[in-house]
């Protein structure tokens, strides 16, 4: 388990100076998301390195090779 230390000050301060904006109202409006094939229940976004876009799909490992490794990283 990570050792997380938090300090809470007594003064009011802006916690967020700026934020990313201009994304849109839905994932479909983002420039790196492609849902041109339509949407169905159960779909997930999978990154396609050829198109450099996330694509909506029902298959996590499309094609003939069906190996799936999920690494959630370390926290």
PDB file of N, CA and C in Angstrom:
ATOM      1  N   UNK A   1       0.845  -1.179   0.000  1.00  0.00           N
ATOM      2  CA  UNK A   1       0.000   0.000   0.000  1.00  0.00           C
ATOM      3  C   UNK A   1       0.886   1.236   0.000  1.00  0.00           C
ATOM      4  N   UNK A   2       0.500   2.219  -0.760  1.00  0.00           N
ATOM      5  CA  UNK A   2       1.277   3.452  -0.863  1.00  0.00           C
ATOM      6  C   UNK A   2       1.135   4.284   0.407  1.00  0.00           C
ATOM      7  N   UNK A   3       2.208   4.978   0.755  1.00  0.00           N
ATOM      8  CA  UNK A   3       2.188   5.880   1.900  1.00  0.00           C
ATOM      9  C   UNK A   3       1.817   7.258   1.368  1.00  0.00           C
ATOM     10  N   UNK A   4       0.583   7.674   1.587  1.00  0.00           N
ATOM     11  CA  UNK A   4       0.082   8.937   1.044  1.00  0.00           C
ATOM     12  C   UNK A   4      -0.027   9.949   2.170  1.00  0.00           C
ATOM     13  N   UNK A   5       0.597  11.111   1.983  1.00  0.00           N
ATOM     14  CA  UNK A   5       0.533  12.176   2.972  1.00  0.00           C
ATOM     15  C   UNK A   5      -0.264  13.341   2.385  1.00  0.00           C
ATOM     16  N   UNK A   6      -1.162  13.883   3.179  1.00  0.00           N
ATOM     17  CA  UNK A   6      -1.994  14.998   2.738  1.00  0.00           C
ATOM     18  C   UNK A   6      -1.913  16.104   3.776  1.00  0.00           C
ATOM     19  N   UNK A   7      -1.748  17.335   3.302  1.00  0.00           N
ATOM     20  CA  UNK A   7      -1.741  18.482   4.194  1.00  0.00           C
ATOM     21  C   UNK A   7      -2.916  19.373   3.814  1.00  0.00           C
ATOM     22  N   UNK A   8      -3.733  19.706   4.764  1.00  0.00           N
ATOM     23  CA  UNK A   8      -4.880  20.574   4.532  1.00  0.00           C
ATOM     24  C   UNK A   8      -4.613  21.886   5.241  1.00  0.00           C
ATOM     25  N   UNK A   9      -4.565  22.962   4.471  1.00  0.00           N
ATOM     26  CA  UNK A   9      -4.288  24.273   5.059  1.00  0.00           C
ATOM     27  C   UNK A   9      -5.533  24.911   5.633  1.00  0.00           C
ATOM     28  N   UNK A  10      -5.335  25.993   6.388  1.00  0.00           N
ATOM     29  CA  UNK A  10      -6.457  26.685   7.015  1.00  0.00           C
ATOM     30  C   UNK A  10      -6.980  27.832   6.160  1.00  0.00           C
ATOM     31  N   UNK A  11      -6.264  28.172   5.067  1.00  0.00           N
ATOM     32  CA  UNK A  11      -6.688  29.283   4.227  1.00  0.00           C
ATOM     33  C   UNK A  11      -7.478  28.770   3.033  1.00  0.00           C
ATOM     34  N   UNK A  12      -8.446  29.595   2.579  1.00  0.00           N
ATOM     35  CA  UNK A  12      -9.147  29.288   1.344  1.00  0.00           C
ATOM     36  C   UNK A  12      -8.222  29.586   0.182  1.00  0.00           C
ATOM     37  N   UNK A  13      -8.136  28.680  -0.760  1.00  0.00           N
ATOM     38  CA  UNK A  13      -7.257  28.886  -1.909  1.00  0.00           C
ATOM     39  C   UNK A  13      -7.852  28.190  -3.121  1.00  0.00           C
ATOM     40  N   UNK A  14      -7.483  28.689  -4.313  1.00  0.00           N
ATOM     41  CA  UNK A  14      -7.890  28.018  -5.538  1.00  0.00           C
ATOM     42  C   UNK A  14      -7.118  26.715  -5.669  1.00  0.00           C
ATOM     43  N   UNK A  15      -7.817  25.644  -5.788  1.00  0.00           N
ATOM     44  CA  UNK A  15      -7.174  24.347  -5.918  1.00  0.00           C
ATOM     45  C   UNK A  15      -6.934  23.999  -7.388  1.00  0.00           C
ATOM     46  N   UNK A  16      -7.746  24.544  -8.282  1.00  0.00           N
ATOM     47  CA  UNK A  16      -7.586  24.305  -9.719  1.00  0.00           C
ATOM     48  C   UNK A  16      -7.346  25.648 -10.378  1.00  0.00           C
ATOM     49  N   UNK A  17      -6.149  25.841 -10.900  1.00  0.00           N
ATOM     50  CA  UNK A  17      -5.813  27.105 -11.546  1.00  0.00           C
ATOM     51  C   UNK A  17      -6.382  27.147 -12.961  1.00  0.00           C
ATOM     52  N   UNK A  18      -6.235  26.054 -13.694  1.00  0.00           N
ATOM     53  CA  UNK A  18      -6.766  25.983 -15.056  1.00  0.00           C
ATOM     54  C   UNK A  18      -7.218  24.567 -15.318  1.00  0.00           C
ATOM     55  N   UNK A  19      -7.980  24.391 -16.360  1.00  0.00           N
ATOM     56  CA  UNK A  19      -8.448  23.055 -16.727  1.00  0.00           C
ATOM     57  C   UNK A  19      -8.501  22.948 -18.237  1.00  0.00           C
ATOM     58  N   UNK A  20      -8.455  21.727 -18.719  1.00  0.00           N
ATOM     59  CA  UNK A  20      -8.554  21.458 -20.150  1.00  0.00           C
ATOM     60  C   UNK A  20      -9.992  21.655 -20.573  1.00  0.00           C
ATOM     61  N   UNK A  21     -10.207  22.393 -21.644  1.00  0.00           N
ATOM     62  CA  UNK A  21     -11.575  22.623 -22.085  1.00  0.00           C
ATOM     63  C   UNK A  21     -11.661  22.473 -23.592  1.00  0.00           C
ATOM     64  N   UNK A  22     -12.853  22.549 -24.099  1.00  0.00           N
ATOM     65  CA  UNK A  22     -13.062  22.460 -25.535  1.00  0.00           C
ATOM     66  C   UNK A  22     -13.233  21.040 -26.033  1.00  0.00           C
ATOM     67  N   UNK A  23     -13.467  20.104 -25.121  1.00  0.00           N
ATOM     68  CA  UNK A  23     -13.573  18.703 -25.503  1.00  0.00           C
ATOM     69  C   UNK A  23     -14.882  18.357 -26.169  1.00  0.00           C
ATOM     70  N   UNK A  24     -15.971  18.859 -25.695  1.00  0.00           N
ATOM     71  CA  UNK A  24     -17.261  18.530 -26.269  1.00  0.00           C
ATOM     72  C   UNK A  24     -18.197  17.976 -25.216  1.00  0.00           C
ATOM     73  N   UNK A  25     -19.397  17.663 -25.666  1.00  0.00           N
ATOM     74  CA  UNK A  25     -20.422  17.186 -24.747  1.00  0.00           C
ATOM     75  C   UNK A  25     -20.441  15.678 -24.610  1.00  0.00           C
ATOM     76  N   UNK A  26     -19.780  14.958 -25.517  1.00  0.00           N
ATOM     77  CA  UNK A  26     -19.768  13.498 -25.441  1.00  0.00           C
ATOM     78  C   UNK A  26     -18.439  12.968 -25.973  1.00  0.00           C
ATOM     79  N   UNK A  27     -18.148  11.715 -25.682  1.00  0.00           N
ATOM     80  CA  UNK A  27     -16.915  11.098 -26.174  1.00  0.00           C
ATOM     81  C   UNK A  27     -16.850  11.116 -27.700  1.00  0.00           C
ATOM     82  N   UNK A  28     -17.986  10.968 -28.351  1.00  0.00           N
ATOM     83  CA  UNK A  28     -18.026  10.927 -29.813  1.00  0.00           C
ATOM     84  C   UNK A  28     -17.511  12.217 -30.451  1.00  0.00           C
ATOM     85  N   UNK A  29     -17.557  13.316 -29.714  1.00  0.00           N
ATOM     86  CA  UNK A  29     -17.116  14.603 -30.254  1.00  0.00           C
ATOM     87  C   UNK A  29     -15.615  14.825 -30.113  1.00  0.00           C
ATOM     88  N   UNK A  30     -14.920  13.938 -29.415  1.00  0.00           N
ATOM     89  CA  UNK A  30     -13.477  14.081 -29.273  1.00  0.00           C
ATOM     90  C   UNK A  30     -12.787  13.679 -30.570  1.00  0.00           C
ATOM     91  N   UNK A  31     -11.719  14.377 -30.920  1.00  0.00           N
ATOM     92  CA  UNK A  31     -11.056  14.148 -32.205  1.00  0.00           C
ATOM     93  C   UNK A  31     -10.345  12.807 -32.288  1.00  0.00           C
ATOM     94  N   UNK A  32     -10.042  12.186 -31.155  1.00  0.00           N
ATOM     95  CA  UNK A  32      -9.340  10.899 -31.197  1.00  0.00           C
ATOM     96  C   UNK A  32     -10.251   9.716 -30.871  1.00  0.00           C
ATOM     97  N   UNK A  33     -11.566   9.895 -31.028  1.00  0.00           N
ATOM     98  CA  UNK A  33     -12.529   8.815 -30.814  1.00  0.00           C
ATOM     99  C   UNK A  33     -13.316   8.595 -32.094  1.00  0.00           C
ATOM    100  N   UNK A  34     -13.382   7.326 -32.549  1.00  0.00           N
ATOM    101  CA  UNK A  34     -14.095   6.981 -33.775  1.00  0.00           C
ATOM    102  C   UNK A  34     -15.232   6.020 -33.443  1.00  0.00           C
ATOM    103  N   UNK A  35     -16.467   6.476 -33.597  1.00  0.00           N
ATOM    104  CA  UNK A  35     -17.613   5.602 -33.404  1.00  0.00           C
ATOM    105  C   UNK A  35     -18.410   5.477 -34.708  1.00  0.00           C
ATOM    106  N   UNK A  36     -17.715   5.613 -35.837  1.00  0.00           N
ATOM    107  CA  UNK A  36     -18.390   5.589 -37.133  1.00  0.00           C
ATOM    108  C   UNK A  36     -19.049   4.247 -37.427  1.00  0.00           C
ATOM    109  N   UNK A  37     -18.623   3.179 -36.756  1.00  0.00           N
ATOM    110  CA  UNK A  37     -19.231   1.870 -36.963  1.00  0.00           C
ATOM    111  C   UNK A  37     -20.519   1.671 -36.191  1.00  0.00           C
ATOM    112  N   UNK A  38     -20.959   2.691 -35.466  1.00  0.00           N
ATOM    113  CA  UNK A  38     -22.178   2.590 -34.673  1.00  0.00           C
ATOM    114  C   UNK A  38     -21.875   2.175 -33.242  1.00  0.00           C
ATOM    115  N   UNK A  39     -22.887   2.217 -32.415  1.00  0.00           N
ATOM    116  CA  UNK A  39     -22.746   1.869 -31.004  1.00  0.00           C
ATOM    117  C   UNK A  39     -23.750   0.794 -30.623  1.00  0.00           C
ATOM    118  N   UNK A  40     -23.342  -0.081 -29.704  1.00  0.00           N
ATOM    119  CA  UNK A  40     -24.202  -1.123 -29.152  1.00  0.00           C
ATOM    120  C   UNK A  40     -23.936  -1.229 -27.659  1.00  0.00           C
ATOM    121  N   UNK A  41     -24.870  -1.785 -26.926  1.00  0.00           N
ATOM    122  CA  UNK A  41     -24.656  -2.040 -25.503  1.00  0.00           C
ATOM    123  C   UNK A  41     -23.453  -2.950 -25.325  1.00  0.00           C
ATOM    124  N   UNK A  42     -22.621  -2.665 -24.336  1.00  0.00           N
ATOM    125  CA  UNK A  42     -21.473  -3.503 -24.019  1.00  0.00           C
ATOM    126  C   UNK A  42     -20.193  -3.123 -24.725  1.00  0.00           C
ATOM    127  N   UNK A  43     -20.232  -2.136 -25.598  1.00  0.00           N
ATOM    128  CA  UNK A  43     -19.024  -1.731 -26.321  1.00  0.00           C
ATOM    129  C   UNK A  43     -18.045  -1.020 -25.393  1.00  0.00           C
ATOM    130  N   UNK A  44     -16.757  -1.134 -25.729  1.00  0.00           N
ATOM    131  CA  UNK A  44     -15.687  -0.441 -25.017  1.00  0.00           C
ATOM    132  C   UNK A  44     -14.847   0.305 -26.044  1.00  0.00           C
ATOM    133  N   UNK A  45     -14.077   1.278 -25.574  1.00  0.00           N
ATOM    134  CA  UNK A  45     -13.159   1.985 -26.466  1.00  0.00           C
ATOM    135  C   UNK A  45     -11.799   1.304 -26.407  1.00  0.00           C
ATOM    136  N   UNK A  46     -11.265   0.957 -27.586  1.00  0.00           N
ATOM    137  CA  UNK A  46      -9.966   0.303 -27.704  1.00  0.00           C
ATOM    138  C   UNK A  46      -9.108   1.160 -28.628  1.00  0.00           C
ATOM    139  N   UNK A  47      -7.861   1.417 -28.227  1.00  0.00           N
ATOM    140  CA  UNK A  47      -6.976   2.266 -29.026  1.00  0.00           C
ATOM    141  C   UNK A  47      -6.434   1.497 -30.225  1.00  0.00           C
ATOM    142  N   UNK A  48      -6.492   2.118 -31.399  1.00  0.00           N
ATOM    143  CA  UNK A  48      -5.955   1.562 -32.634  1.00  0.00           C
ATOM    144  C   UNK A  48      -4.717   2.382 -32.987  1.00  0.00           C
ATOM    145  N   UNK A  49      -3.533   1.770 -32.874  1.00  0.00           N
ATOM    146  CA  UNK A  49      -2.295   2.513 -33.110  1.00  0.00           C
ATOM    147  C   UNK A  49      -2.108   2.877 -34.583  1.00  0.00           C
ATOM    148  N   UNK A  50      -2.781   2.178 -35.491  1.00  0.00           N
ATOM    149  CA  UNK A  50      -2.690   2.513 -36.913  1.00  0.00           C
ATOM    150  C   UNK A  50      -3.384   3.831 -37.217  1.00  0.00           C
ATOM    151  N   UNK A  51      -4.563   4.041 -36.622  1.00  0.00           N
ATOM    152  CA  UNK A  51      -5.326   5.269 -36.868  1.00  0.00           C
ATOM    153  C   UNK A  51      -5.093   6.324 -35.789  1.00  0.00           C
ATOM    154  N   UNK A  52      -4.425   5.935 -34.695  1.00  0.00           N
ATOM    155  CA  UNK A  52      -4.214   6.812 -33.535  1.00  0.00           C
ATOM    156  C   UNK A  52      -5.533   7.320 -32.968  1.00  0.00           C
ATOM    157  N   UNK A  53      -6.539   6.443 -32.969  1.00  0.00           N
ATOM    158  CA  UNK A  53      -7.850   6.797 -32.425  1.00  0.00           C
ATOM    159  C   UNK A  53      -8.372   5.664 -31.556  1.00  0.00           C
ATOM    160  N   UNK A  54      -9.247   6.018 -30.613  1.00  0.00           N
ATOM    161  CA  UNK A  54      -9.976   5.026 -29.851  1.00  0.00           C
ATOM    162  C   UNK A  54     -11.201   4.644 -30.663  1.00  0.00           C
ATOM    163  N   UNK A  55     -11.458   3.341 -30.796  1.00  0.00           N
ATOM    164  CA  UNK A  55     -12.594   2.860 -31.582  1.00  0.00           C
ATOM    165  C   UNK A  55     -13.534   2.061 -30.689  1.00  0.00           C
ATOM    166  N   UNK A  56     -14.835   2.242 -30.907  1.00  0.00           N
ATOM    167  CA  UNK A  56     -15.833   1.487 -30.161  1.00  0.00           C
ATOM    168  C   UNK A  56     -15.896   0.075 -30.730  1.00  0.00           C
ATOM    169  N   UNK A  57     -15.802  -0.925 -29.849  1.00  0.00           N
ATOM    170  CA  UNK A  57     -15.812  -2.310 -30.302  1.00  0.00           C
ATOM    171  C   UNK A  57     -16.375  -3.222 -29.216  1.00  0.00           C
ATOM    172  N   UNK A  58     -16.819  -4.396 -29.635  1.00  0.00           N
ATOM    173  CA  UNK A  58     -17.238  -5.440 -28.704  1.00  0.00           C
ATOM    174  C   UNK A  58     -16.105  -6.419 -28.444  1.00  0.00           C
ATOM    175  N   UNK A  59     -15.021  -6.338 -29.233  1.00  0.00           N
ATOM    176  CA  UNK A  59     -13.890  -7.254 -29.109  1.00  0.00           C
ATOM    177  C   UNK A  59     -12.688  -6.527 -28.526  1.00  0.00           C
ATOM    178  N   UNK A  60     -12.131  -7.075 -27.463  1.00  0.00           N
ATOM    179  CA  UNK A  60     -10.940  -6.464 -26.880  1.00  0.00           C
ATOM    180  C   UNK A  60      -9.684  -6.874 -27.639  1.00  0.00           C
ATOM    181  N   UNK A  61      -9.692  -8.029 -28.266  1.00  0.00           N
ATOM    182  CA  UNK A  61      -8.534  -8.501 -29.030  1.00  0.00           C
ATOM    183  C   UNK A  61      -9.001  -8.943 -30.409  1.00  0.00           C
ATOM    184  N   UNK A  62      -9.240  -7.995 -31.315  1.00  0.00           N
ATOM    185  CA  UNK A  62      -9.726  -8.364 -32.649  1.00  0.00           C
ATOM    186  C   UNK A  62      -8.651  -9.107 -33.441  1.00  0.00           C
ATOM    187  N   UNK A  63      -9.088  -9.880 -34.429  1.00  0.00           N
ATOM    188  CA  UNK A  63      -8.159 -10.599 -35.291  1.00  0.00           C
ATOM    189  C   UNK A  63      -7.977 -12.041 -34.859  1.00  0.00           C
ATOM    190  N   UNK A  64      -6.993 -12.709 -35.468  1.00  0.00           N
ATOM    191  CA  UNK A  64      -6.760 -14.128 -35.220  1.00  0.00           C
ATOM    192  C   UNK A  64      -6.081 -14.387 -33.879  1.00  0.00           C
ATOM    193  N   UNK A  65      -5.228 -13.483 -33.432  1.00  0.00           N
ATOM    194  CA  UNK A  65      -4.512 -13.663 -32.170  1.00  0.00           C
ATOM    195  C   UNK A  65      -5.395 -13.179 -31.032  1.00  0.00           C
ATOM    196  N   UNK A  66      -5.807 -14.083 -30.177  1.00  0.00           N
ATOM    197  CA  UNK A  66      -6.743 -13.737 -29.113  1.00  0.00           C
ATOM    198  C   UNK A  66      -6.075 -13.787 -27.742  1.00  0.00           C
ATOM    199  N   UNK A  67      -4.976 -13.038 -27.545  1.00  0.00           N
ATOM    200  CA  UNK A  67      -4.387 -12.953 -26.209  1.00  0.00           C
ATOM    201  C   UNK A  67      -4.740 -11.606 -25.612  1.00  0.00           C
ATOM    202  N   UNK A  68      -5.006 -11.633 -24.348  1.00  0.00           N
ATOM    203  CA  UNK A  68      -5.406 -10.409 -23.667  1.00  0.00           C
ATOM    204  C   UNK A  68      -4.640 -10.302 -22.364  1.00  0.00           C
ATOM    205  N   UNK A  69      -3.846  -9.265 -22.247  1.00  0.00           N
ATOM    206  CA  UNK A  69      -3.119  -8.970 -21.011  1.00  0.00           C
ATOM    207  C   UNK A  69      -3.564  -7.596 -20.541  1.00  0.00           C
ATOM    208  N   UNK A  70      -4.072  -7.542 -19.332  1.00  0.00           N
ATOM    209  CA  UNK A  70      -4.478  -6.271 -18.760  1.00  0.00           C
ATOM    210  C   UNK A  70      -3.556  -5.954 -17.598  1.00  0.00           C
ATOM    211  N   UNK A  71      -2.861  -4.824 -17.695  1.00  0.00           N
ATOM    212  CA  UNK A  71      -1.961  -4.392 -16.644  1.00  0.00           C
ATOM    213  C   UNK A  71      -2.465  -3.055 -16.132  1.00  0.00           C
ATOM    214  N   UNK A  72      -2.987  -3.052 -14.926  1.00  0.00           N
ATOM    215  CA  UNK A  72      -3.528  -1.833 -14.352  1.00  0.00           C
ATOM    216  C   UNK A  72      -2.488  -0.912 -13.762  1.00  0.00           C
ATOM    217  N   UNK A  73      -1.206  -1.312 -13.803  1.00  0.00           N
ATOM    218  CA  UNK A  73      -0.146  -0.466 -13.285  1.00  0.00           C
ATOM    219  C   UNK A  73       0.023  -0.592 -11.784  1.00  0.00           C
ATOM    220  N   UNK A  74       0.835   0.246 -11.226  1.00  0.00           N
ATOM    221  CA  UNK A  74       1.104   0.244  -9.787  1.00  0.00           C
ATOM    222  C   UNK A  74       0.617   1.543  -9.172  1.00  0.00           C
ATOM    223  N   UNK A  75       0.054   1.434  -7.990  1.00  0.00           N
ATOM    224  CA  UNK A  75      -0.460   2.616  -7.301  1.00  0.00           C
ATOM    225  C   UNK A  75       0.091   2.686  -5.916  1.00  0.00           C
TER     226      UNK A  75
END
